[in-house]
Structures are given as structure tokens and as C-alpha cells.
Amino acid sequence: MSTIDAVIFDMDGLILDTETLAMDALVSAGAELGYDMPRSFCHLMIGAPADRCRELVVERYGADFPLERYFELQEIHLRRLVDAGRMQLKRGVLELLDWLDAQGIRRAIATSSSRARTDHHLGLMGIAQRFEHIVTRDDVTRGKPNPDPFLTAAKKLGIAPAHCLVLEDSFNGIRAAHAAGMRVIMVPDLLDPTDEIRGLAHRVVPSLHDVIDFLDAQRSARAA
């Protein structure tokens, strides 16, 4: 098995506990416009790029739906929740970053969020400097489930895809990493893995603490 020379992180739902806040914001934006937005429908947008989210809304609510205003309101509601202190780091993030520092393993972020949202959220948490490169939806032509975000991150790191490990919580992220030829570990957030996703993921673990255990075991096996 190839050595792991770099770890590429998703952001929302993996590093930051933001997916529940994003769902709340989607529901609130719909209610403000007079539309019922079931959470089951909003879950379809987890890990999807903005253009696909727009397609999903139009498919369900029709071409007359006030699409741009809806997503403007969603950003407003999300920013209010974040700025009110509702956003937290996911369990194990800092410990994993410290472990990667100690082992000299490179790292990047590849997210479906916009540059503006990404910079704001990471800046608020004070961890942007912990990553060598940050690839957002604005930096690629095709977002997840296409492999472009992860391939771009690997290229910026100068590490071959086979030597990159991806950490993800979303189905589209798992598909994108697999398509990029990278091993991917799923750390579930709001979505439990399906049979398809279990087949694509190298493994599924409960938390980022378990990722440390996996990487430590890999290093020990190579040293033996």
C-alpha cells in the first residue's frame, strides 16, 4: 500500500460543525420566502457545489422559485448563526493537526464552499494557517462529485494522488476522492454511509481521533 504523504480535508461537517447550521439556514430561508423546506430535502445539498444545489431547488420547486434571493437569505441566516458563536470545531481536529505536524505530513483543504465563506469560517476558528493550501469551489471548474477539487489540492501540494489520504463526511466528497484515485476515510456527520459509499471508502470511522489511530498504525506497520 502506498505511503500517505499528505492529508486533504473537507471542511463543512468534517473540520467544522457547520452542516446542522447550514440545514437550519436553508429551512429558515425557505420559510422567510413562504416555502416549506423539509430537512430531508436539504440533506440532498450536503457536499454539493452551489450549481448543483440550485438545480435541486429548481427541480423540486420549479423555475419560478426565487432562487438567487433564497441562497442570499441562506447565507445571511448562516452568517448570523456562525457569528452568534454556534459554529464549533469537530472533535479531534486539533489533535489530528498536531499529530500531522509532528509527523511532517502535508495537508490541504478541498471544500465545496465559496472562498468568502471558507475564509470567514476558518478565520473565525483561527486555523487557516494550519493548512498549506485551501481549494474552494471558486478555484475549480467542476465541483464535487467530480475529482477536480482533490486533484487541484494534490497538485498544489506536489503530491501524487496515490499518496494522498482524503477525509470526508459527504457522499459527493467520497465519490470525488475515489474518482481522483485517492484513498478516502469517511467520518460521518449528518449522513450515514450507504452500501455504495462503504464500497468507495477505504474505511468509515466515528471521529477524527480514529484517523490518528489509523495513520499511526500505518506508520508502525511500515517501520516494522
C-alpha atoms as a PDB file:
ATOM      1  CA  MET A   1       0.000   0.000   0.000  1.00  0.00           C
ATOM      2  CA  SER A   2       1.304   3.468  -0.929  1.00  0.00           C
ATOM      3  CA  THR A   3       2.660   5.700   1.800  1.00  0.00           C
ATOM      4  CA  ILE A   4       0.491   8.600   2.913  1.00  0.00           C
ATOM      5  CA  ASP A   5       2.438  11.797   2.330  1.00  0.00           C
ATOM      6  CA  ALA A   6      -0.473  14.273   2.504  1.00  0.00           C
ATOM      7  CA  VAL A   7      -3.945  14.526   4.005  1.00  0.00           C
ATOM      8  CA  ILE A   8      -6.652  16.505   2.227  1.00  0.00           C
ATOM      9  CA  PHE A   9      -9.553  17.603   4.407  1.00  0.00           C
ATOM     10  CA  ASP A  10     -13.100  18.507   3.527  1.00  0.00           C
ATOM     11  CA  MET A  11     -14.283  21.470   5.618  1.00  0.00           C
ATOM     12  CA  ASP A  12     -18.009  21.578   6.448  1.00  0.00           C
ATOM     13  CA  GLY A  13     -19.085  18.660   8.596  1.00  0.00           C
ATOM     14  CA  LEU A  14     -15.512  17.352   8.805  1.00  0.00           C
ATOM     15  CA  ILE A  15     -13.404  20.148  10.293  1.00  0.00           C
ATOM     16  CA  LEU A  16     -16.246  22.485  11.225  1.00  0.00           C
ATOM     17  CA  ASP A  17     -19.541  21.508  12.823  1.00  0.00           C
ATOM     18  CA  THR A  18     -21.492  23.571  10.300  1.00  0.00           C
ATOM     19  CA  GLU A  19     -23.793  21.164   8.482  1.00  0.00           C
ATOM     20  CA  THR A  20     -26.573  21.407  11.075  1.00  0.00           C
ATOM     21  CA  LEU A  21     -26.279  25.207  10.935  1.00  0.00           C
ATOM     22  CA  ALA A  22     -26.417  25.104   7.123  1.00  0.00           C
ATOM     23  CA  MET A  23     -29.566  22.980   7.259  1.00  0.00           C
ATOM     24  CA  ASP A  24     -31.145  25.411   9.737  1.00  0.00           C
ATOM     25  CA  ALA A  25     -30.269  28.286   7.403  1.00  0.00           C
ATOM     26  CA  LEU A  26     -31.766  26.550   4.361  1.00  0.00           C
ATOM     27  CA  VAL A  27     -35.005  25.854   6.221  1.00  0.00           C
ATOM     28  CA  SER A  28     -35.195  29.417   7.604  1.00  0.00           C
ATOM     29  CA  ALA A  29     -34.533  30.986   4.202  1.00  0.00           C
ATOM     30  CA  GLY A  30     -37.336  28.927   2.679  1.00  0.00           C
ATOM     31  CA  ALA A  31     -39.741  29.856   5.472  1.00  0.00           C
ATOM     32  CA  GLU A  32     -38.929  33.555   5.023  1.00  0.00           C
ATOM     33  CA  LEU A  33     -39.965  33.237   1.376  1.00  0.00           C
ATOM     34  CA  GLY A  34     -43.091  31.233   2.208  1.00  0.00           C
ATOM     35  CA  TYR A  35     -41.794  27.792   1.206  1.00  0.00           C
ATOM     36  CA  ASP A  36     -41.647  24.611   3.262  1.00  0.00           C
ATOM     37  CA  MET A  37     -38.124  23.175   3.020  1.00  0.00           C
ATOM     38  CA  PRO A  38     -38.058  19.706   4.639  1.00  0.00           C
ATOM     39  CA  ARG A  39     -34.743  18.740   6.168  1.00  0.00           C
ATOM     40  CA  SER A  40     -34.808  15.532   4.150  1.00  0.00           C
ATOM     41  CA  PHE A  41     -34.664  17.674   1.013  1.00  0.00           C
ATOM     42  CA  CYS A  42     -31.982  19.984   2.419  1.00  0.00           C
ATOM     43  CA  HIS A  43     -29.817  16.946   3.158  1.00  0.00           C
ATOM     44  CA  LEU A  44     -29.538  16.395  -0.611  1.00  0.00           C
ATOM     45  CA  MET A  45     -27.425  19.561  -0.738  1.00  0.00           C
ATOM     46  CA  ILE A  46     -24.803  18.328   1.735  1.00  0.00           C
ATOM     47  CA  GLY A  47     -21.437  18.285  -0.005  1.00  0.00           C
ATOM     48  CA  ALA A  48     -22.904  19.510  -3.300  1.00  0.00           C
ATOM     49  CA  PRO A  49     -21.457  22.514  -5.157  1.00  0.00           C
ATOM     50  CA  ALA A  50     -23.591  25.648  -5.443  1.00  0.00           C
ATOM     51  CA  ASP A  51     -24.649  24.986  -9.038  1.00  0.00           C
ATOM     52  CA  ARG A  52     -25.967  21.539  -8.136  1.00  0.00           C
ATOM     53  CA  CYS A  53     -27.816  22.944  -5.108  1.00  0.00           C
ATOM     54  CA  ARG A  54     -29.544  25.405  -7.411  1.00  0.00           C
ATOM     55  CA  GLU A  55     -30.514  22.598  -9.774  1.00  0.00           C
ATOM     56  CA  LEU A  56     -32.009  20.599  -6.915  1.00  0.00           C
ATOM     57  CA  VAL A  57     -34.156  23.520  -5.765  1.00  0.00           C
ATOM     58  CA  VAL A  58     -35.436  24.260  -9.283  1.00  0.00           C
ATOM     59  CA  GLU A  59     -36.208  20.570  -9.861  1.00  0.00           C
ATOM     60  CA  ARG A  60     -38.345  20.477  -6.723  1.00  0.00           C
ATOM     61  CA  TYR A  61     -39.913  23.961  -6.612  1.00  0.00           C
ATOM     62  CA  GLY A  62     -39.989  24.988 -10.273  1.00  0.00           C
ATOM     63  CA  ALA A  63     -38.442  27.674 -12.445  1.00  0.00           C
ATOM     64  CA  ASP A  64     -40.477  30.443 -10.754  1.00  0.00           C
ATOM     65  CA  PHE A  65     -38.790  29.863  -7.406  1.00  0.00           C
ATOM     66  CA  PRO A  66     -36.829  32.988  -6.269  1.00  0.00           C
ATOM     67  CA  LEU A  67     -33.543  31.121  -6.467  1.00  0.00           C
ATOM     68  CA  GLU A  68     -30.986  33.894  -6.030  1.00  0.00           C
ATOM     69  CA  ARG A  69     -32.870  35.514  -3.163  1.00  0.00           C
ATOM     70  CA  TYR A  70     -33.218  32.141  -1.457  1.00  0.00           C
ATOM     71  CA  PHE A  71     -29.483  31.498  -1.416  1.00  0.00           C
ATOM     72  CA  GLU A  72     -28.761  35.104  -0.426  1.00  0.00           C
ATOM     73  CA  LEU A  73     -31.045  34.628   2.582  1.00  0.00           C
ATOM     74  CA  GLN A  74     -29.452  31.285   3.360  1.00  0.00           C
ATOM     75  CA  GLU A  75     -26.038  32.959   3.550  1.00  0.00           C
ATOM     76  CA  ILE A  76     -27.465  35.690   5.792  1.00  0.00           C
ATOM     77  CA  HIS A  77     -29.057  33.172   8.168  1.00  0.00           C
ATOM     78  CA  LEU A  78     -25.913  31.040   8.230  1.00  0.00           C
ATOM     79  CA  ARG A  79     -23.660  34.020   8.929  1.00  0.00           C
ATOM     80  CA  ARG A  80     -25.905  35.049  11.834  1.00  0.00           C
ATOM     81  CA  LEU A  81     -25.685  31.582  13.348  1.00  0.00           C
ATOM     82  CA  VAL A  82     -21.914  31.444  12.882  1.00  0.00           C
ATOM     83  CA  ASP A  83     -21.312  34.942  14.217  1.00  0.00           C
ATOM     84  CA  ALA A  84     -23.507  34.129  17.227  1.00  0.00           C
ATOM     85  CA  GLY A  85     -20.931  31.523  18.231  1.00  0.00           C
ATOM     86  CA  ARG A  86     -22.848  28.444  17.107  1.00  0.00           C
ATOM     87  CA  MET A  87     -20.014  27.092  14.943  1.00  0.00           C
ATOM     88  CA  GLN A  88     -17.552  24.728  16.623  1.00  0.00           C
ATOM     89  CA  LEU A  89     -14.575  22.626  15.585  1.00  0.00           C
ATOM     90  CA  LYS A  90     -15.345  18.953  15.176  1.00  0.00           C
ATOM     91  CA  ARG A  91     -13.970  16.584  17.787  1.00  0.00           C
ATOM     92  CA  GLY A  92     -10.358  15.621  17.165  1.00  0.00           C
ATOM     93  CA  VAL A  93      -9.454  18.342  14.647  1.00  0.00           C
ATOM     94  CA  LEU A  94      -6.697  19.994  16.669  1.00  0.00           C
ATOM     95  CA  GLU A  95      -5.297  16.697  17.881  1.00  0.00           C
ATOM     96  CA  LEU A  96      -5.084  15.380  14.313  1.00  0.00           C
ATOM     97  CA  LEU A  97      -3.419  18.558  13.045  1.00  0.00           C
ATOM     98  CA  ASP A  98      -0.890  18.384  15.888  1.00  0.00           C
ATOM     99  CA  TRP A  99      -0.162  14.743  15.046  1.00  0.00           C
ATOM    100  CA  LEU A 100       0.346  15.572  11.358  1.00  0.00           C
ATOM    101  CA  ASP A 101       2.705  18.399  12.369  1.00  0.00           C
ATOM    102  CA  ALA A 102       4.738  16.018  14.495  1.00  0.00           C
ATOM    103  CA  GLN A 103       4.990  13.504  11.664  1.00  0.00           C
ATOM    104  CA  GLY A 104       5.733  16.084   8.967  1.00  0.00           C
ATOM    105  CA  ILE A 105       2.707  15.097   6.885  1.00  0.00           C
ATOM    106  CA  ARG A 106       1.474  17.768   4.480  1.00  0.00           C
ATOM    107  CA  ARG A 107      -2.146  18.912   4.460  1.00  0.00           C
ATOM    108  CA  ALA A 108      -4.694  20.907   2.462  1.00  0.00           C
ATOM    109  CA  ILE A 109      -8.425  21.619   2.358  1.00  0.00           C
ATOM    110  CA  ALA A 110     -10.708  20.930  -0.613  1.00  0.00           C
ATOM    111  CA  THR A 111     -14.211  22.284   0.035  1.00  0.00           C
ATOM    112  CA  SER A 112     -17.441  22.858  -1.875  1.00  0.00           C
ATOM    113  CA  SER A 113     -17.912  26.161  -0.055  1.00  0.00           C
ATOM    114  CA  SER A 114     -17.113  29.531  -1.622  1.00  0.00           C
ATOM    115  CA  ARG A 115     -13.846  31.354  -0.976  1.00  0.00           C
ATOM    116  CA  ALA A 116     -15.652  34.047   1.022  1.00  0.00           C
ATOM    117  CA  ARG A 117     -17.408  31.556   3.309  1.00  0.00           C
ATOM    118  CA  THR A 118     -14.297  29.408   3.685  1.00  0.00           C
ATOM    119  CA  ASP A 119     -12.029  32.313   4.615  1.00  0.00           C
ATOM    120  CA  HIS A 120     -14.584  33.689   7.071  1.00  0.00           C
ATOM    121  CA  HIS A 121     -15.185  30.373   8.828  1.00  0.00           C
ATOM    122  CA  LEU A 122     -11.563  29.271   9.054  1.00  0.00           C
ATOM    123  CA  GLY A 123     -10.506  32.760  10.132  1.00  0.00           C
ATOM    124  CA  LEU A 124     -13.095  32.773  12.879  1.00  0.00           C
ATOM    125  CA  MET A 125     -11.797  29.437  14.154  1.00  0.00           C
ATOM    126  CA  GLY A 126      -8.172  30.572  13.828  1.00  0.00           C
ATOM    127  CA  ILE A 127      -6.986  27.500  11.930  1.00  0.00           C
ATOM    128  CA  ALA A 128      -6.467  28.691   8.343  1.00  0.00           C
ATOM    129  CA  GLN A 129      -2.700  28.790   8.864  1.00  0.00           C
ATOM    130  CA  ARG A 130      -2.691  25.088   9.781  1.00  0.00           C
ATOM    131  CA  PHE A 131      -3.179  24.182   6.100  1.00  0.00           C
ATOM    132  CA  GLU A 132      -0.667  24.717   3.301  1.00  0.00           C
ATOM    133  CA  HIS A 133      -3.322  25.144   0.611  1.00  0.00           C
ATOM    134  CA  ILE A 134      -7.075  25.758   0.613  1.00  0.00           C
ATOM    135  CA  VAL A 135      -9.042  24.874  -2.528  1.00  0.00           C
ATOM    136  CA  THR A 136     -12.613  26.197  -2.679  1.00  0.00           C
ATOM    137  CA  ARG A 137     -15.479  25.830  -5.136  1.00  0.00           C
ATOM    138  CA  ASP A 138     -14.338  29.105  -6.705  1.00  0.00           C
ATOM    139  CA  ASP A 139     -10.969  27.590  -7.619  1.00  0.00           C
ATOM    140  CA  VAL A 140     -12.182  24.750  -9.865  1.00  0.00           C
ATOM    141  CA  THR A 141     -14.371  24.412 -12.935  1.00  0.00           C
ATOM    142  CA  ARG A 142     -16.195  21.355 -11.651  1.00  0.00           C
ATOM    143  CA  GLY A 143     -17.007  20.751  -8.009  1.00  0.00           C
ATOM    144  CA  LYS A 144     -17.614  17.500  -6.134  1.00  0.00           C
ATOM    145  CA  PRO A 145     -18.553  14.734  -7.033  1.00  0.00           C
ATOM    146  CA  ASN A 146     -16.031  15.466  -9.786  1.00  0.00           C
ATOM    147  CA  PRO A 147     -12.419  14.873  -8.694  1.00  0.00           C
ATOM    148  CA  ASP A 148     -11.194  18.371  -9.602  1.00  0.00           C
ATOM    149  CA  PRO A 149     -11.053  19.837  -6.048  1.00  0.00           C
ATOM    150  CA  PHE A 150      -8.909  16.983  -4.738  1.00  0.00           C
ATOM    151  CA  LEU A 151      -6.693  16.796  -7.812  1.00  0.00           C
ATOM    152  CA  THR A 152      -6.118  20.554  -7.587  1.00  0.00           C
ATOM    153  CA  ALA A 153      -5.178  20.265  -3.910  1.00  0.00           C
ATOM    154  CA  ALA A 154      -2.770  17.396  -4.653  1.00  0.00           C
ATOM    155  CA  LYS A 155      -1.168  19.376  -7.471  1.00  0.00           C
ATOM    156  CA  LYS A 156      -0.677  22.386  -5.215  1.00  0.00           C
ATOM    157  CA  LEU A 157       0.930  20.145  -2.598  1.00  0.00           C
ATOM    158  CA  GLY A 158       3.091  18.457  -5.220  1.00  0.00           C
ATOM    159  CA  ILE A 159       1.966  15.020  -4.027  1.00  0.00           C
ATOM    160  CA  ALA A 160       0.742  12.228  -6.310  1.00  0.00           C
ATOM    161  CA  PRO A 161      -2.937  11.279  -5.771  1.00  0.00           C
ATOM    162  CA  ALA A 162      -1.991   7.741  -4.747  1.00  0.00           C
ATOM    163  CA  HIS A 163      -0.061   9.184  -1.816  1.00  0.00           C
ATOM    164  CA  CYS A 164      -2.920  11.414  -0.609  1.00  0.00           C
ATOM    165  CA  LEU A 165      -5.490  10.478   2.019  1.00  0.00           C
ATOM    166  CA  VAL A 166      -8.821  12.310   1.884  1.00  0.00           C
ATOM    167  CA  LEU A 167     -11.060  12.855   4.920  1.00  0.00           C
ATOM    168  CA  GLU A 168     -14.729  13.407   4.114  1.00  0.00           C
ATOM    169  CA  ASP A 169     -18.218  13.296   5.585  1.00  0.00           C
ATOM    170  CA  SER A 170     -20.361  13.719   2.452  1.00  0.00           C
ATOM    171  CA  PHE A 171     -21.347  11.251  -0.246  1.00  0.00           C
ATOM    172  CA  ASN A 172     -20.256  13.591  -3.055  1.00  0.00           C
ATOM    173  CA  GLY A 173     -16.920  14.089  -1.349  1.00  0.00           C
ATOM    174  CA  ILE A 174     -16.361  10.329  -1.111  1.00  0.00           C
ATOM    175  CA  ARG A 175     -17.224   9.950  -4.791  1.00  0.00           C
ATOM    176  CA  ALA A 176     -14.897  12.807  -5.758  1.00  0.00           C
ATOM    177  CA  ALA A 177     -11.958  11.426  -3.785  1.00  0.00           C
ATOM    178  CA  HIS A 178     -12.436   7.940  -5.203  1.00  0.00           C
ATOM    179  CA  ALA A 179     -12.605   9.373  -8.727  1.00  0.00           C
ATOM    180  CA  ALA A 180      -9.334  11.209  -8.020  1.00  0.00           C
ATOM    181  CA  GLY A 181      -7.608   7.912  -7.267  1.00  0.00           C
ATOM    182  CA  MET A 182      -7.132   8.705  -3.589  1.00  0.00           C
ATOM    183  CA  ARG A 183      -7.844   6.674  -0.504  1.00  0.00           C
ATOM    184  CA  VAL A 184     -10.685   8.251   1.435  1.00  0.00           C
ATOM    185  CA  ILE A 185     -11.874   7.805   5.002  1.00  0.00           C
ATOM    186  CA  MET A 186     -15.433   8.780   5.818  1.00  0.00           C
ATOM    187  CA  VAL A 187     -16.125  10.403   9.175  1.00  0.00           C
ATOM    188  CA  PRO A 188     -19.944  10.594   9.136  1.00  0.00           C
ATOM    189  CA  ASP A 189     -21.711  13.759  10.236  1.00  0.00           C
ATOM    190  CA  LEU A 190     -25.401  14.060   9.278  1.00  0.00           C
ATOM    191  CA  LEU A 191     -25.375  11.227   6.729  1.00  0.00           C
ATOM    192  CA  ASP A 192     -24.798   7.563   7.496  1.00  0.00           C
ATOM    193  CA  PRO A 193     -22.878   5.675   4.805  1.00  0.00           C
ATOM    194  CA  THR A 194     -24.822   3.687   2.223  1.00  0.00           C
ATOM    195  CA  ASP A 195     -23.607   0.418   0.721  1.00  0.00           C
ATOM    196  CA  GLU A 196     -22.283   2.412  -2.246  1.00  0.00           C
ATOM    197  CA  ILE A 197     -20.297   4.748  -0.029  1.00  0.00           C
ATOM    198  CA  ARG A 198     -18.886   1.919   2.082  1.00  0.00           C
ATOM    199  CA  GLY A 199     -17.687   0.333  -1.137  1.00  0.00           C
ATOM    200  CA  LEU A 200     -15.888   3.517  -2.223  1.00  0.00           C
ATOM    201  CA  ALA A 201     -14.393   4.473   1.152  1.00  0.00           C
ATOM    202  CA  HIS A 202     -11.163   2.925   2.405  1.00  0.00           C
ATOM    203  CA  ARG A 203     -12.884   2.805   5.763  1.00  0.00           C
ATOM    204  CA  VAL A 204     -15.555   4.528   7.872  1.00  0.00           C
ATOM    205  CA  VAL A 205     -14.608   5.739  11.353  1.00  0.00           C
ATOM    206  CA  PRO A 206     -16.563   7.528  14.101  1.00  0.00           C
ATOM    207  CA  SER A 207     -14.261  10.522  14.607  1.00  0.00           C
ATOM    208  CA  LEU A 208     -11.013  12.212  13.642  1.00  0.00           C
ATOM    209  CA  HIS A 209      -9.403  10.615  16.695  1.00  0.00           C
ATOM    210  CA  ASP A 210      -9.801   7.301  14.871  1.00  0.00           C
ATOM    211  CA  VAL A 211      -7.977   8.779  11.871  1.00  0.00           C
ATOM    212  CA  ILE A 212      -4.951   9.356  14.127  1.00  0.00           C
ATOM    213  CA  ASP A 213      -5.114   5.702  15.178  1.00  0.00           C
ATOM    214  CA  PHE A 214      -5.294   4.619  11.528  1.00  0.00           C
ATOM    215  CA  LEU A 215      -2.337   6.763  10.459  1.00  0.00           C
ATOM    216  CA  ASP A 216      -0.292   5.738  13.491  1.00  0.00           C
ATOM    217  CA  ALA A 217      -0.911   2.059  12.689  1.00  0.00           C
ATOM    218  CA  GLN A 218       0.111   2.649   9.073  1.00  0.00           C
ATOM    219  CA  ARG A 219       3.408   4.223  10.144  1.00  0.00           C
ATOM    220  CA  SER A 220       4.093   1.456  12.669  1.00  0.00           C
ATOM    221  CA  ALA A 221       3.448  -1.223  10.028  1.00  0.00           C
ATOM    222  CA  ARG A 222       5.911   0.401   7.607  1.00  0.00           C
ATOM    223  CA  ALA A 223       8.554   0.712  10.314  1.00  0.00           C
ATOM    224  CA  ALA A 224       8.235  -2.949  11.354  1.00  0.00           C
END
